[in-house]
Amino acid sequence: DARVRFEWAHNPEAGAYHFQLAAD
């Protein structure tokens, strides 16, 4: 898909998730 979807395991204690996408 042109607009890529990212998914990861849910942490019930999560206050926030931190995501990074890089070219290297």
PDBML (XML) file of the C-alpha atoms, coordinates in Angstrom:
<?xml version="1.0" encoding="UTF-8" ?>
<PDBx:datablock datablockName="MODEL"
   xmlns:PDBx="http://pdbml.pdb.org/schema/pdbx-v50.xsd"
   xmlns:xsi="http://www.w3.org/2001/XMLSchema-instance"
   xsi:schemaLocation="http://pdbml.pdb.org/schema/pdbx-v50.xsd pdbx-v50.xsd">
   <PDBx:atom_siteCategory>
      <PDBx:atom_site id="1">
         <PDBx:B_iso_or_equiv>0.00</PDBx:B_iso_or_equiv>
         <PDBx:Cartn_x>0.000</PDBx:Cartn_x>
         <PDBx:Cartn_y>0.000</PDBx:Cartn_y>
         <PDBx:Cartn_z>0.000</PDBx:Cartn_z>
         <PDBx:auth_asym_id>A</PDBx:auth_asym_id>
         <PDBx:auth_atom_id>CA</PDBx:auth_atom_id>
         <PDBx:auth_comp_id>ASP</PDBx:auth_comp_id>
         <PDBx:auth_seq_id>1</PDBx:auth_seq_id>
         <PDBx:group_PDB>ATOM</PDBx:group_PDB>
         <PDBx:label_alt_id xsi:nil="true" />
         <PDBx:label_asym_id>A</PDBx:label_asym_id>
         <PDBx:label_atom_id>CA</PDBx:label_atom_id>
         <PDBx:label_comp_id>ASP</PDBx:label_comp_id>
         <PDBx:label_entity_id>1</PDBx:label_entity_id>
         <PDBx:label_seq_id>1</PDBx:label_seq_id>
         <PDBx:occupancy>1.00</PDBx:occupancy>
         <PDBx:pdbx_PDB_model_num>1</PDBx:pdbx_PDB_model_num>
         <PDBx:type_symbol>C</PDBx:type_symbol>
      </PDBx:atom_site>
      <PDBx:atom_site id="2">
         <PDBx:B_iso_or_equiv>0.00</PDBx:B_iso_or_equiv>
         <PDBx:Cartn_x>1.199</PDBx:Cartn_x>
         <PDBx:Cartn_y>3.478</PDBx:Cartn_y>
         <PDBx:Cartn_z>-0.824</PDBx:Cartn_z>
         <PDBx:auth_asym_id>A</PDBx:auth_asym_id>
         <PDBx:auth_atom_id>CA</PDBx:auth_atom_id>
         <PDBx:auth_comp_id>ALA</PDBx:auth_comp_id>
         <PDBx:auth_seq_id>2</PDBx:auth_seq_id>
         <PDBx:group_PDB>ATOM</PDBx:group_PDB>
         <PDBx:label_alt_id xsi:nil="true" />
         <PDBx:label_asym_id>A</PDBx:label_asym_id>
         <PDBx:label_atom_id>CA</PDBx:label_atom_id>
         <PDBx:label_comp_id>ALA</PDBx:label_comp_id>
         <PDBx:label_entity_id>1</PDBx:label_entity_id>
         <PDBx:label_seq_id>2</PDBx:label_seq_id>
         <PDBx:occupancy>1.00</PDBx:occupancy>
         <PDBx:pdbx_PDB_model_num>1</PDBx:pdbx_PDB_model_num>
         <PDBx:type_symbol>C</PDBx:type_symbol>
      </PDBx:atom_site>
      <PDBx:atom_site id="3">
         <PDBx:B_iso_or_equiv>0.00</PDBx:B_iso_or_equiv>
         <PDBx:Cartn_x>0.290</PDBx:Cartn_x>
         <PDBx:Cartn_y>4.693</PDBx:Cartn_y>
         <PDBx:Cartn_z>2.642</PDBx:Cartn_z>
         <PDBx:auth_asym_id>A</PDBx:auth_asym_id>
         <PDBx:auth_atom_id>CA</PDBx:auth_atom_id>
         <PDBx:auth_comp_id>ARG</PDBx:auth_comp_id>
         <PDBx:auth_seq_id>3</PDBx:auth_seq_id>
         <PDBx:group_PDB>ATOM</PDBx:group_PDB>
         <PDBx:label_alt_id xsi:nil="true" />
         <PDBx:label_asym_id>A</PDBx:label_asym_id>
         <PDBx:label_atom_id>CA</PDBx:label_atom_id>
         <PDBx:label_comp_id>ARG</PDBx:label_comp_id>
         <PDBx:label_entity_id>1</PDBx:label_entity_id>
         <PDBx:label_seq_id>3</PDBx:label_seq_id>
         <PDBx:occupancy>1.00</PDBx:occupancy>
         <PDBx:pdbx_PDB_model_num>1</PDBx:pdbx_PDB_model_num>
         <PDBx:type_symbol>C</PDBx:type_symbol>
      </PDBx:atom_site>
      <PDBx:atom_site id="4">
         <PDBx:B_iso_or_equiv>0.00</PDBx:B_iso_or_equiv>
         <PDBx:Cartn_x>1.942</PDBx:Cartn_x>
         <PDBx:Cartn_y>2.026</PDBx:Cartn_y>
         <PDBx:Cartn_z>4.703</PDBx:Cartn_z>
         <PDBx:auth_asym_id>A</PDBx:auth_asym_id>
         <PDBx:auth_atom_id>CA</PDBx:auth_atom_id>
         <PDBx:auth_comp_id>VAL</PDBx:auth_comp_id>
         <PDBx:auth_seq_id>4</PDBx:auth_seq_id>
         <PDBx:group_PDB>ATOM</PDBx:group_PDB>
         <PDBx:label_alt_id xsi:nil="true" />
         <PDBx:label_asym_id>A</PDBx:label_asym_id>
         <PDBx:label_atom_id>CA</PDBx:label_atom_id>
         <PDBx:label_comp_id>VAL</PDBx:label_comp_id>
         <PDBx:label_entity_id>1</PDBx:label_entity_id>
         <PDBx:label_seq_id>4</PDBx:label_seq_id>
         <PDBx:occupancy>1.00</PDBx:occupancy>
         <PDBx:pdbx_PDB_model_num>1</PDBx:pdbx_PDB_model_num>
         <PDBx:type_symbol>C</PDBx:type_symbol>
      </PDBx:atom_site>
      <PDBx:atom_site id="5">
         <PDBx:B_iso_or_equiv>0.00</PDBx:B_iso_or_equiv>
         <PDBx:Cartn_x>0.262</PDBx:Cartn_x>
         <PDBx:Cartn_y>0.710</PDBx:Cartn_y>
         <PDBx:Cartn_z>7.836</PDBx:Cartn_z>
         <PDBx:auth_asym_id>A</PDBx:auth_asym_id>
         <PDBx:auth_atom_id>CA</PDBx:auth_atom_id>
         <PDBx:auth_comp_id>ARG</PDBx:auth_comp_id>
         <PDBx:auth_seq_id>5</PDBx:auth_seq_id>
         <PDBx:group_PDB>ATOM</PDBx:group_PDB>
         <PDBx:label_alt_id xsi:nil="true" />
         <PDBx:label_asym_id>A</PDBx:label_asym_id>
         <PDBx:label_atom_id>CA</PDBx:label_atom_id>
         <PDBx:label_comp_id>ARG</PDBx:label_comp_id>
         <PDBx:label_entity_id>1</PDBx:label_entity_id>
         <PDBx:label_seq_id>5</PDBx:label_seq_id>
         <PDBx:occupancy>1.00</PDBx:occupancy>
         <PDBx:pdbx_PDB_model_num>1</PDBx:pdbx_PDB_model_num>
         <PDBx:type_symbol>C</PDBx:type_symbol>
      </PDBx:atom_site>
      <PDBx:atom_site id="6">
         <PDBx:B_iso_or_equiv>0.00</PDBx:B_iso_or_equiv>
         <PDBx:Cartn_x>2.436</PDBx:Cartn_x>
         <PDBx:Cartn_y>-0.260</PDBx:Cartn_y>
         <PDBx:Cartn_z>10.833</PDBx:Cartn_z>
         <PDBx:auth_asym_id>A</PDBx:auth_asym_id>
         <PDBx:auth_atom_id>CA</PDBx:auth_atom_id>
         <PDBx:auth_comp_id>PHE</PDBx:auth_comp_id>
         <PDBx:auth_seq_id>6</PDBx:auth_seq_id>
         <PDBx:group_PDB>ATOM</PDBx:group_PDB>
         <PDBx:label_alt_id xsi:nil="true" />
         <PDBx:label_asym_id>A</PDBx:label_asym_id>
         <PDBx:label_atom_id>CA</PDBx:label_atom_id>
         <PDBx:label_comp_id>PHE</PDBx:label_comp_id>
         <PDBx:label_entity_id>1</PDBx:label_entity_id>
         <PDBx:label_seq_id>6</PDBx:label_seq_id>
         <PDBx:occupancy>1.00</PDBx:occupancy>
         <PDBx:pdbx_PDB_model_num>1</PDBx:pdbx_PDB_model_num>
         <PDBx:type_symbol>C</PDBx:type_symbol>
      </PDBx:atom_site>
      <PDBx:atom_site id="7">
         <PDBx:B_iso_or_equiv>0.00</PDBx:B_iso_or_equiv>
         <PDBx:Cartn_x>1.278</PDBx:Cartn_x>
         <PDBx:Cartn_y>-2.479</PDBx:Cartn_y>
         <PDBx:Cartn_z>13.682</PDBx:Cartn_z>
         <PDBx:auth_asym_id>A</PDBx:auth_asym_id>
         <PDBx:auth_atom_id>CA</PDBx:auth_atom_id>
         <PDBx:auth_comp_id>GLU</PDBx:auth_comp_id>
         <PDBx:auth_seq_id>7</PDBx:auth_seq_id>
         <PDBx:group_PDB>ATOM</PDBx:group_PDB>
         <PDBx:label_alt_id xsi:nil="true" />
         <PDBx:label_asym_id>A</PDBx:label_asym_id>
         <PDBx:label_atom_id>CA</PDBx:label_atom_id>
         <PDBx:label_comp_id>GLU</PDBx:label_comp_id>
         <PDBx:label_entity_id>1</PDBx:label_entity_id>
         <PDBx:label_seq_id>7</PDBx:label_seq_id>
         <PDBx:occupancy>1.00</PDBx:occupancy>
         <PDBx:pdbx_PDB_model_num>1</PDBx:pdbx_PDB_model_num>
         <PDBx:type_symbol>C</PDBx:type_symbol>
      </PDBx:atom_site>
      <PDBx:atom_site id="8">
         <PDBx:B_iso_or_equiv>0.00</PDBx:B_iso_or_equiv>
         <PDBx:Cartn_x>2.887</PDBx:Cartn_x>
         <PDBx:Cartn_y>-3.764</PDBx:Cartn_y>
         <PDBx:Cartn_z>16.895</PDBx:Cartn_z>
         <PDBx:auth_asym_id>A</PDBx:auth_asym_id>
         <PDBx:auth_atom_id>CA</PDBx:auth_atom_id>
         <PDBx:auth_comp_id>TRP</PDBx:auth_comp_id>
         <PDBx:auth_seq_id>8</PDBx:auth_seq_id>
         <PDBx:group_PDB>ATOM</PDBx:group_PDB>
         <PDBx:label_alt_id xsi:nil="true" />
         <PDBx:label_asym_id>A</PDBx:label_asym_id>
         <PDBx:label_atom_id>CA</PDBx:label_atom_id>
         <PDBx:label_comp_id>TRP</PDBx:label_comp_id>
         <PDBx:label_entity_id>1</PDBx:label_entity_id>
         <PDBx:label_seq_id>8</PDBx:label_seq_id>
         <PDBx:occupancy>1.00</PDBx:occupancy>
         <PDBx:pdbx_PDB_model_num>1</PDBx:pdbx_PDB_model_num>
         <PDBx:type_symbol>C</PDBx:type_symbol>
      </PDBx:atom_site>
      <PDBx:atom_site id="9">
         <PDBx:B_iso_or_equiv>0.00</PDBx:B_iso_or_equiv>
         <PDBx:Cartn_x>1.914</PDBx:Cartn_x>
         <PDBx:Cartn_y>-5.618</PDBx:Cartn_y>
         <PDBx:Cartn_z>20.073</PDBx:Cartn_z>
         <PDBx:auth_asym_id>A</PDBx:auth_asym_id>
         <PDBx:auth_atom_id>CA</PDBx:auth_atom_id>
         <PDBx:auth_comp_id>ALA</PDBx:auth_comp_id>
         <PDBx:auth_seq_id>9</PDBx:auth_seq_id>
         <PDBx:group_PDB>ATOM</PDBx:group_PDB>
         <PDBx:label_alt_id xsi:nil="true" />
         <PDBx:label_asym_id>A</PDBx:label_asym_id>
         <PDBx:label_atom_id>CA</PDBx:label_atom_id>
         <PDBx:label_comp_id>ALA</PDBx:label_comp_id>
         <PDBx:label_entity_id>1</PDBx:label_entity_id>
         <PDBx:label_seq_id>9</PDBx:label_seq_id>
         <PDBx:occupancy>1.00</PDBx:occupancy>
         <PDBx:pdbx_PDB_model_num>1</PDBx:pdbx_PDB_model_num>
         <PDBx:type_symbol>C</PDBx:type_symbol>
      </PDBx:atom_site>
      <PDBx:atom_site id="10">
         <PDBx:B_iso_or_equiv>0.00</PDBx:B_iso_or_equiv>
         <PDBx:Cartn_x>-0.253</PDBx:Cartn_x>
         <PDBx:Cartn_y>-3.671</PDBx:Cartn_y>
         <PDBx:Cartn_z>22.514</PDBx:Cartn_z>
         <PDBx:auth_asym_id>A</PDBx:auth_asym_id>
         <PDBx:auth_atom_id>CA</PDBx:auth_atom_id>
         <PDBx:auth_comp_id>HIS</PDBx:auth_comp_id>
         <PDBx:auth_seq_id>10</PDBx:auth_seq_id>
         <PDBx:group_PDB>ATOM</PDBx:group_PDB>
         <PDBx:label_alt_id xsi:nil="true" />
         <PDBx:label_asym_id>A</PDBx:label_asym_id>
         <PDBx:label_atom_id>CA</PDBx:label_atom_id>
         <PDBx:label_comp_id>HIS</PDBx:label_comp_id>
         <PDBx:label_entity_id>1</PDBx:label_entity_id>
         <PDBx:label_seq_id>10</PDBx:label_seq_id>
         <PDBx:occupancy>1.00</PDBx:occupancy>
         <PDBx:pdbx_PDB_model_num>1</PDBx:pdbx_PDB_model_num>
         <PDBx:type_symbol>C</PDBx:type_symbol>
      </PDBx:atom_site>
      <PDBx:atom_site id="11">
         <PDBx:B_iso_or_equiv>0.00</PDBx:B_iso_or_equiv>
         <PDBx:Cartn_x>1.094</PDBx:Cartn_x>
         <PDBx:Cartn_y>-2.994</PDBx:Cartn_y>
         <PDBx:Cartn_z>26.005</PDBx:Cartn_z>
         <PDBx:auth_asym_id>A</PDBx:auth_asym_id>
         <PDBx:auth_atom_id>CA</PDBx:auth_atom_id>
         <PDBx:auth_comp_id>ASN</PDBx:auth_comp_id>
         <PDBx:auth_seq_id>11</PDBx:auth_seq_id>
         <PDBx:group_PDB>ATOM</PDBx:group_PDB>
         <PDBx:label_alt_id xsi:nil="true" />
         <PDBx:label_asym_id>A</PDBx:label_asym_id>
         <PDBx:label_atom_id>CA</PDBx:label_atom_id>
         <PDBx:label_comp_id>ASN</PDBx:label_comp_id>
         <PDBx:label_entity_id>1</PDBx:label_entity_id>
         <PDBx:label_seq_id>11</PDBx:label_seq_id>
         <PDBx:occupancy>1.00</PDBx:occupancy>
         <PDBx:pdbx_PDB_model_num>1</PDBx:pdbx_PDB_model_num>
         <PDBx:type_symbol>C</PDBx:type_symbol>
      </PDBx:atom_site>
      <PDBx:atom_site id="12">
         <PDBx:B_iso_or_equiv>0.00</PDBx:B_iso_or_equiv>
         <PDBx:Cartn_x>-1.765</PDBx:Cartn_x>
         <PDBx:Cartn_y>-2.514</PDBx:Cartn_y>
         <PDBx:Cartn_z>28.504</PDBx:Cartn_z>
         <PDBx:auth_asym_id>A</PDBx:auth_asym_id>
         <PDBx:auth_atom_id>CA</PDBx:auth_atom_id>
         <PDBx:auth_comp_id>PRO</PDBx:auth_comp_id>
         <PDBx:auth_seq_id>12</PDBx:auth_seq_id>
         <PDBx:group_PDB>ATOM</PDBx:group_PDB>
         <PDBx:label_alt_id xsi:nil="true" />
         <PDBx:label_asym_id>A</PDBx:label_asym_id>
         <PDBx:label_atom_id>CA</PDBx:label_atom_id>
         <PDBx:label_comp_id>PRO</PDBx:label_comp_id>
         <PDBx:label_entity_id>1</PDBx:label_entity_id>
         <PDBx:label_seq_id>12</PDBx:label_seq_id>
         <PDBx:occupancy>1.00</PDBx:occupancy>
         <PDBx:pdbx_PDB_model_num>1</PDBx:pdbx_PDB_model_num>
         <PDBx:type_symbol>C</PDBx:type_symbol>
      </PDBx:atom_site>
      <PDBx:atom_site id="13">
         <PDBx:B_iso_or_equiv>0.00</PDBx:B_iso_or_equiv>
         <PDBx:Cartn_x>0.467</PDBx:Cartn_x>
         <PDBx:Cartn_y>-0.283</PDBx:Cartn_y>
         <PDBx:Cartn_z>30.637</PDBx:Cartn_z>
         <PDBx:auth_asym_id>A</PDBx:auth_asym_id>
         <PDBx:auth_atom_id>CA</PDBx:auth_atom_id>
         <PDBx:auth_comp_id>GLU</PDBx:auth_comp_id>
         <PDBx:auth_seq_id>13</PDBx:auth_seq_id>
         <PDBx:group_PDB>ATOM</PDBx:group_PDB>
         <PDBx:label_alt_id xsi:nil="true" />
         <PDBx:label_asym_id>A</PDBx:label_asym_id>
         <PDBx:label_atom_id>CA</PDBx:label_atom_id>
         <PDBx:label_comp_id>GLU</PDBx:label_comp_id>
         <PDBx:label_entity_id>1</PDBx:label_entity_id>
         <PDBx:label_seq_id>13</PDBx:label_seq_id>
         <PDBx:occupancy>1.00</PDBx:occupancy>
         <PDBx:pdbx_PDB_model_num>1</PDBx:pdbx_PDB_model_num>
         <PDBx:type_symbol>C</PDBx:type_symbol>
      </PDBx:atom_site>
      <PDBx:atom_site id="14">
         <PDBx:B_iso_or_equiv>0.00</PDBx:B_iso_or_equiv>
         <PDBx:Cartn_x>1.522</PDBx:Cartn_x>
         <PDBx:Cartn_y>1.951</PDBx:Cartn_y>
         <PDBx:Cartn_z>27.753</PDBx:Cartn_z>
         <PDBx:auth_asym_id>A</PDBx:auth_asym_id>
         <PDBx:auth_atom_id>CA</PDBx:auth_atom_id>
         <PDBx:auth_comp_id>ALA</PDBx:auth_comp_id>
         <PDBx:auth_seq_id>14</PDBx:auth_seq_id>
         <PDBx:group_PDB>ATOM</PDBx:group_PDB>
         <PDBx:label_alt_id xsi:nil="true" />
         <PDBx:label_asym_id>A</PDBx:label_asym_id>
         <PDBx:label_atom_id>CA</PDBx:label_atom_id>
         <PDBx:label_comp_id>ALA</PDBx:label_comp_id>
         <PDBx:label_entity_id>1</PDBx:label_entity_id>
         <PDBx:label_seq_id>14</PDBx:label_seq_id>
         <PDBx:occupancy>1.00</PDBx:occupancy>
         <PDBx:pdbx_PDB_model_num>1</PDBx:pdbx_PDB_model_num>
         <PDBx:type_symbol>C</PDBx:type_symbol>
      </PDBx:atom_site>
      <PDBx:atom_site id="15">
         <PDBx:B_iso_or_equiv>0.00</PDBx:B_iso_or_equiv>
         <PDBx:Cartn_x>1.264</PDBx:Cartn_x>
         <PDBx:Cartn_y>5.681</PDBx:Cartn_y>
         <PDBx:Cartn_z>28.287</PDBx:Cartn_z>
         <PDBx:auth_asym_id>A</PDBx:auth_asym_id>
         <PDBx:auth_atom_id>CA</PDBx:auth_atom_id>
         <PDBx:auth_comp_id>GLY</PDBx:auth_comp_id>
         <PDBx:auth_seq_id>15</PDBx:auth_seq_id>
         <PDBx:group_PDB>ATOM</PDBx:group_PDB>
         <PDBx:label_alt_id xsi:nil="true" />
         <PDBx:label_asym_id>A</PDBx:label_asym_id>
         <PDBx:label_atom_id>CA</PDBx:label_atom_id>
         <PDBx:label_comp_id>GLY</PDBx:label_comp_id>
         <PDBx:label_entity_id>1</PDBx:label_entity_id>
         <PDBx:label_seq_id>15</PDBx:label_seq_id>
         <PDBx:occupancy>1.00</PDBx:occupancy>
         <PDBx:pdbx_PDB_model_num>1</PDBx:pdbx_PDB_model_num>
         <PDBx:type_symbol>C</PDBx:type_symbol>
      </PDBx:atom_site>
      <PDBx:atom_site id="16">
         <PDBx:B_iso_or_equiv>0.00</PDBx:B_iso_or_equiv>
         <PDBx:Cartn_x>2.564</PDBx:Cartn_x>
         <PDBx:Cartn_y>6.406</PDBx:Cartn_y>
         <PDBx:Cartn_z>24.796</PDBx:Cartn_z>
         <PDBx:auth_asym_id>A</PDBx:auth_asym_id>
         <PDBx:auth_atom_id>CA</PDBx:auth_atom_id>
         <PDBx:auth_comp_id>ALA</PDBx:auth_comp_id>
         <PDBx:auth_seq_id>16</PDBx:auth_seq_id>
         <PDBx:group_PDB>ATOM</PDBx:group_PDB>
         <PDBx:label_alt_id xsi:nil="true" />
         <PDBx:label_asym_id>A</PDBx:label_asym_id>
         <PDBx:label_atom_id>CA</PDBx:label_atom_id>
         <PDBx:label_comp_id>ALA</PDBx:label_comp_id>
         <PDBx:label_entity_id>1</PDBx:label_entity_id>
         <PDBx:label_seq_id>16</PDBx:label_seq_id>
         <PDBx:occupancy>1.00</PDBx:occupancy>
         <PDBx:pdbx_PDB_model_num>1</PDBx:pdbx_PDB_model_num>
         <PDBx:type_symbol>C</PDBx:type_symbol>
      </PDBx:atom_site>
      <PDBx:atom_site id="17">
         <PDBx:B_iso_or_equiv>0.00</PDBx:B_iso_or_equiv>
         <PDBx:Cartn_x>4.293</PDBx:Cartn_x>
         <PDBx:Cartn_y>4.656</PDBx:Cartn_y>
         <PDBx:Cartn_z>21.946</PDBx:Cartn_z>
         <PDBx:auth_asym_id>A</PDBx:auth_asym_id>
         <PDBx:auth_atom_id>CA</PDBx:auth_atom_id>
         <PDBx:auth_comp_id>TYR</PDBx:auth_comp_id>
         <PDBx:auth_seq_id>17</PDBx:auth_seq_id>
         <PDBx:group_PDB>ATOM</PDBx:group_PDB>
         <PDBx:label_alt_id xsi:nil="true" />
         <PDBx:label_asym_id>A</PDBx:label_asym_id>
         <PDBx:label_atom_id>CA</PDBx:label_atom_id>
         <PDBx:label_comp_id>TYR</PDBx:label_comp_id>
         <PDBx:label_entity_id>1</PDBx:label_entity_id>
         <PDBx:label_seq_id>17</PDBx:label_seq_id>
         <PDBx:occupancy>1.00</PDBx:occupancy>
         <PDBx:pdbx_PDB_model_num>1</PDBx:pdbx_PDB_model_num>
         <PDBx:type_symbol>C</PDBx:type_symbol>
      </PDBx:atom_site>
      <PDBx:atom_site id="18">
         <PDBx:B_iso_or_equiv>0.00</PDBx:B_iso_or_equiv>
         <PDBx:Cartn_x>7.357</PDBx:Cartn_x>
         <PDBx:Cartn_y>6.007</PDBx:Cartn_y>
         <PDBx:Cartn_z>20.149</PDBx:Cartn_z>
         <PDBx:auth_asym_id>A</PDBx:auth_asym_id>
         <PDBx:auth_atom_id>CA</PDBx:auth_atom_id>
         <PDBx:auth_comp_id>HIS</PDBx:auth_comp_id>
         <PDBx:auth_seq_id>18</PDBx:auth_seq_id>
         <PDBx:group_PDB>ATOM</PDBx:group_PDB>
         <PDBx:label_alt_id xsi:nil="true" />
         <PDBx:label_asym_id>A</PDBx:label_asym_id>
         <PDBx:label_atom_id>CA</PDBx:label_atom_id>
         <PDBx:label_comp_id>HIS</PDBx:label_comp_id>
         <PDBx:label_entity_id>1</PDBx:label_entity_id>
         <PDBx:label_seq_id>18</PDBx:label_seq_id>
         <PDBx:occupancy>1.00</PDBx:occupancy>
         <PDBx:pdbx_PDB_model_num>1</PDBx:pdbx_PDB_model_num>
         <PDBx:type_symbol>C</PDBx:type_symbol>
      </PDBx:atom_site>
      <PDBx:atom_site id="19">
         <PDBx:B_iso_or_equiv>0.00</PDBx:B_iso_or_equiv>
         <PDBx:Cartn_x>7.727</PDBx:Cartn_x>
         <PDBx:Cartn_y>5.316</PDBx:Cartn_y>
         <PDBx:Cartn_z>16.419</PDBx:Cartn_z>
         <PDBx:auth_asym_id>A</PDBx:auth_asym_id>
         <PDBx:auth_atom_id>CA</PDBx:auth_atom_id>
         <PDBx:auth_comp_id>PHE</PDBx:auth_comp_id>
         <PDBx:auth_seq_id>19</PDBx:auth_seq_id>
         <PDBx:group_PDB>ATOM</PDBx:group_PDB>
         <PDBx:label_alt_id xsi:nil="true" />
         <PDBx:label_asym_id>A</PDBx:label_asym_id>
         <PDBx:label_atom_id>CA</PDBx:label_atom_id>
         <PDBx:label_comp_id>PHE</PDBx:label_comp_id>
         <PDBx:label_entity_id>1</PDBx:label_entity_id>
         <PDBx:label_seq_id>19</PDBx:label_seq_id>
         <PDBx:occupancy>1.00</PDBx:occupancy>
         <PDBx:pdbx_PDB_model_num>1</PDBx:pdbx_PDB_model_num>
         <PDBx:type_symbol>C</PDBx:type_symbol>
      </PDBx:atom_site>
      <PDBx:atom_site id="20">
         <PDBx:B_iso_or_equiv>0.00</PDBx:B_iso_or_equiv>
         <PDBx:Cartn_x>10.545</PDBx:Cartn_x>
         <PDBx:Cartn_y>5.937</PDBx:Cartn_y>
         <PDBx:Cartn_z>13.978</PDBx:Cartn_z>
         <PDBx:auth_asym_id>A</PDBx:auth_asym_id>
         <PDBx:auth_atom_id>CA</PDBx:auth_atom_id>
         <PDBx:auth_comp_id>GLN</PDBx:auth_comp_id>
         <PDBx:auth_seq_id>20</PDBx:auth_seq_id>
         <PDBx:group_PDB>ATOM</PDBx:group_PDB>
         <PDBx:label_alt_id xsi:nil="true" />
         <PDBx:label_asym_id>A</PDBx:label_asym_id>
         <PDBx:label_atom_id>CA</PDBx:label_atom_id>
         <PDBx:label_comp_id>GLN</PDBx:label_comp_id>
         <PDBx:label_entity_id>1</PDBx:label_entity_id>
         <PDBx:label_seq_id>20</PDBx:label_seq_id>
         <PDBx:occupancy>1.00</PDBx:occupancy>
         <PDBx:pdbx_PDB_model_num>1</PDBx:pdbx_PDB_model_num>
         <PDBx:type_symbol>C</PDBx:type_symbol>
      </PDBx:atom_site>
      <PDBx:atom_site id="21">
         <PDBx:B_iso_or_equiv>0.00</PDBx:B_iso_or_equiv>
         <PDBx:Cartn_x>10.824</PDBx:Cartn_x>
         <PDBx:Cartn_y>5.252</PDBx:Cartn_y>
         <PDBx:Cartn_z>10.251</PDBx:Cartn_z>
         <PDBx:auth_asym_id>A</PDBx:auth_asym_id>
         <PDBx:auth_atom_id>CA</PDBx:auth_atom_id>
         <PDBx:auth_comp_id>LEU</PDBx:auth_comp_id>
         <PDBx:auth_seq_id>21</PDBx:auth_seq_id>
         <PDBx:group_PDB>ATOM</PDBx:group_PDB>
         <PDBx:label_alt_id xsi:nil="true" />
         <PDBx:label_asym_id>A</PDBx:label_asym_id>
         <PDBx:label_atom_id>CA</PDBx:label_atom_id>
         <PDBx:label_comp_id>LEU</PDBx:label_comp_id>
         <PDBx:label_entity_id>1</PDBx:label_entity_id>
         <PDBx:label_seq_id>21</PDBx:label_seq_id>
         <PDBx:occupancy>1.00</PDBx:occupancy>
         <PDBx:pdbx_PDB_model_num>1</PDBx:pdbx_PDB_model_num>
         <PDBx:type_symbol>C</PDBx:type_symbol>
      </PDBx:atom_site>
      <PDBx:atom_site id="22">
         <PDBx:B_iso_or_equiv>0.00</PDBx:B_iso_or_equiv>
         <PDBx:Cartn_x>14.200</PDBx:Cartn_x>
         <PDBx:Cartn_y>5.654</PDBx:Cartn_y>
         <PDBx:Cartn_z>8.585</PDBx:Cartn_z>
         <PDBx:auth_asym_id>A</PDBx:auth_asym_id>
         <PDBx:auth_atom_id>CA</PDBx:auth_atom_id>
         <PDBx:auth_comp_id>ALA</PDBx:auth_comp_id>
         <PDBx:auth_seq_id>22</PDBx:auth_seq_id>
         <PDBx:group_PDB>ATOM</PDBx:group_PDB>
         <PDBx:label_alt_id xsi:nil="true" />
         <PDBx:label_asym_id>A</PDBx:label_asym_id>
         <PDBx:label_atom_id>CA</PDBx:label_atom_id>
         <PDBx:label_comp_id>ALA</PDBx:label_comp_id>
         <PDBx:label_entity_id>1</PDBx:label_entity_id>
         <PDBx:label_seq_id>22</PDBx:label_seq_id>
         <PDBx:occupancy>1.00</PDBx:occupancy>
         <PDBx:pdbx_PDB_model_num>1</PDBx:pdbx_PDB_model_num>
         <PDBx:type_symbol>C</PDBx:type_symbol>
      </PDBx:atom_site>
      <PDBx:atom_site id="23">
         <PDBx:B_iso_or_equiv>0.00</PDBx:B_iso_or_equiv>
         <PDBx:Cartn_x>15.894</PDBx:Cartn_x>
         <PDBx:Cartn_y>5.195</PDBx:Cartn_y>
         <PDBx:Cartn_z>5.231</PDBx:Cartn_z>
         <PDBx:auth_asym_id>A</PDBx:auth_asym_id>
         <PDBx:auth_atom_id>CA</PDBx:auth_atom_id>
         <PDBx:auth_comp_id>ALA</PDBx:auth_comp_id>
         <PDBx:auth_seq_id>23</PDBx:auth_seq_id>
         <PDBx:group_PDB>ATOM</PDBx:group_PDB>
         <PDBx:label_alt_id xsi:nil="true" />
         <PDBx:label_asym_id>A</PDBx:label_asym_id>
         <PDBx:label_atom_id>CA</PDBx:label_atom_id>
         <PDBx:label_comp_id>ALA</PDBx:label_comp_id>
         <PDBx:label_entity_id>1</PDBx:label_entity_id>
         <PDBx:label_seq_id>23</PDBx:label_seq_id>
         <PDBx:occupancy>1.00</PDBx:occupancy>
         <PDBx:pdbx_PDB_model_num>1</PDBx:pdbx_PDB_model_num>
         <PDBx:type_symbol>C</PDBx:type_symbol>
      </PDBx:atom_site>
      <PDBx:atom_site id="24">
         <PDBx:B_iso_or_equiv>0.00</PDBx:B_iso_or_equiv>
         <PDBx:Cartn_x>18.941</PDBx:Cartn_x>
         <PDBx:Cartn_y>3.522</PDBx:Cartn_y>
         <PDBx:Cartn_z>6.833</PDBx:Cartn_z>
         <PDBx:auth_asym_id>A</PDBx:auth_asym_id>
         <PDBx:auth_atom_id>CA</PDBx:auth_atom_id>
         <PDBx:auth_comp_id>ASP</PDBx:auth_comp_id>
         <PDBx:auth_seq_id>24</PDBx:auth_seq_id>
         <PDBx:group_PDB>ATOM</PDBx:group_PDB>
         <PDBx:label_alt_id xsi:nil="true" />
         <PDBx:label_asym_id>A</PDBx:label_asym_id>
         <PDBx:label_atom_id>CA</PDBx:label_atom_id>
         <PDBx:label_comp_id>ASP</PDBx:label_comp_id>
         <PDBx:label_entity_id>1</PDBx:label_entity_id>
         <PDBx:label_seq_id>24</PDBx:label_seq_id>
         <PDBx:occupancy>1.00</PDBx:occupancy>
         <PDBx:pdbx_PDB_model_num>1</PDBx:pdbx_PDB_model_num>
         <PDBx:type_symbol>C</PDBx:type_symbol>
      </PDBx:atom_site>
   </PDBx:atom_siteCategory>
</PDBx:datablock>
